[in-house]
């Protein structure tokens, strides 16, 4: 096996794992916002308020994570 191909393969595997972990972390971070948005949607059936609720909770979650560090 060619050593350069093996190093390239390892680099691509590491990049792939990093992308998957980033996506999972992003979904985990936006889960509370999605839950609140779903509750607001089922209470109001209005996409405007659903979007506002999602955006507000998403921003609060990001600010909370920033201030927590």
Protein backbone atom coordinates (compact mmCIF):
# COMPACT_ATOMS: atom_id res chain seq x y z
CA UNK A 1 0.00 0.00 0.00
CA UNK A 2 1.23 3.43 -0.87
CA UNK A 3 2.05 5.47 2.24
CA UNK A 4 0.77 8.72 0.72
CA UNK A 5 -2.58 7.13 -0.10
CA UNK A 6 -2.80 5.79 3.44
CA UNK A 7 -2.06 9.21 4.95
CA UNK A 8 -4.65 10.77 2.65
CA UNK A 9 -7.17 8.14 3.70
CA UNK A 10 -6.52 8.82 7.38
CA UNK A 11 -6.86 12.56 6.82
CA UNK A 12 -10.21 12.09 5.09
CA UNK A 13 -11.45 9.80 7.85
CA UNK A 14 -10.48 12.34 10.51
CA UNK A 15 -12.17 15.15 8.57
CA UNK A 16 -15.30 13.03 8.14
CA UNK A 17 -15.47 12.22 11.84
CA UNK A 18 -15.00 15.90 12.70
CA UNK A 19 -17.85 16.90 10.37
CA UNK A 20 -20.17 14.27 11.83
CA UNK A 21 -19.36 15.35 15.38
CA UNK A 22 -19.96 18.98 14.46
CA UNK A 23 -23.36 18.17 12.97
CA UNK A 24 -24.37 16.08 15.98
CA UNK A 25 -23.29 18.84 18.36
CA UNK A 26 -25.19 21.44 16.33
CA UNK A 27 -28.36 19.34 16.37
CA UNK A 28 -27.98 18.75 20.11
CA UNK A 29 -27.57 22.49 20.68
CA UNK A 30 -30.65 23.38 18.61
CA UNK A 31 -32.87 20.70 20.12
CA UNK A 32 -34.34 22.95 22.87
CA UNK A 33 -35.16 25.61 20.29
CA UNK A 34 -36.88 23.04 18.10
CA UNK A 35 -38.92 21.74 21.02
CA UNK A 36 -40.05 25.23 22.01
CA UNK A 37 -40.88 26.02 18.40
CA UNK A 38 -42.95 22.84 18.14
CA UNK A 39 -44.88 23.73 21.28
CA UNK A 40 -45.50 27.26 20.01
CA UNK A 41 -46.64 25.92 16.66
CA UNK A 42 -49.13 23.53 18.22
CA UNK A 43 -50.46 26.27 20.47
CA UNK A 44 -50.78 29.00 17.83
CA UNK A 45 -50.56 27.28 14.41
CA UNK A 46 -48.71 30.38 13.25
CA UNK A 47 -45.38 30.03 11.47
CA UNK A 48 -44.36 33.59 12.34
CA UNK A 49 -44.49 32.97 16.09
CA UNK A 50 -42.94 29.55 15.62
CA UNK A 51 -39.99 31.08 13.82
CA UNK A 52 -39.64 33.83 16.40
CA UNK A 53 -39.67 31.29 19.23
CA UNK A 54 -37.07 29.14 17.48
CA UNK A 55 -34.84 32.13 16.79
CA UNK A 56 -35.14 33.50 20.31
CA UNK A 57 -34.31 30.20 21.99
CA UNK A 58 -31.50 29.49 19.54
CA UNK A 59 -29.92 32.89 20.24
CA UNK A 60 -30.36 32.44 23.98
CA UNK A 61 -28.76 29.00 23.78
CA UNK A 62 -25.75 30.35 21.90
CA UNK A 63 -25.38 33.28 24.29
CA UNK A 64 -25.68 30.92 27.25
CA UNK A 65 -22.94 28.68 25.83
CA UNK A 66 -20.68 31.69 25.22
CA UNK A 67 -21.21 33.16 28.68
CA UNK A 68 -20.86 29.76 30.35
CA UNK A 69 -17.24 29.51 29.21
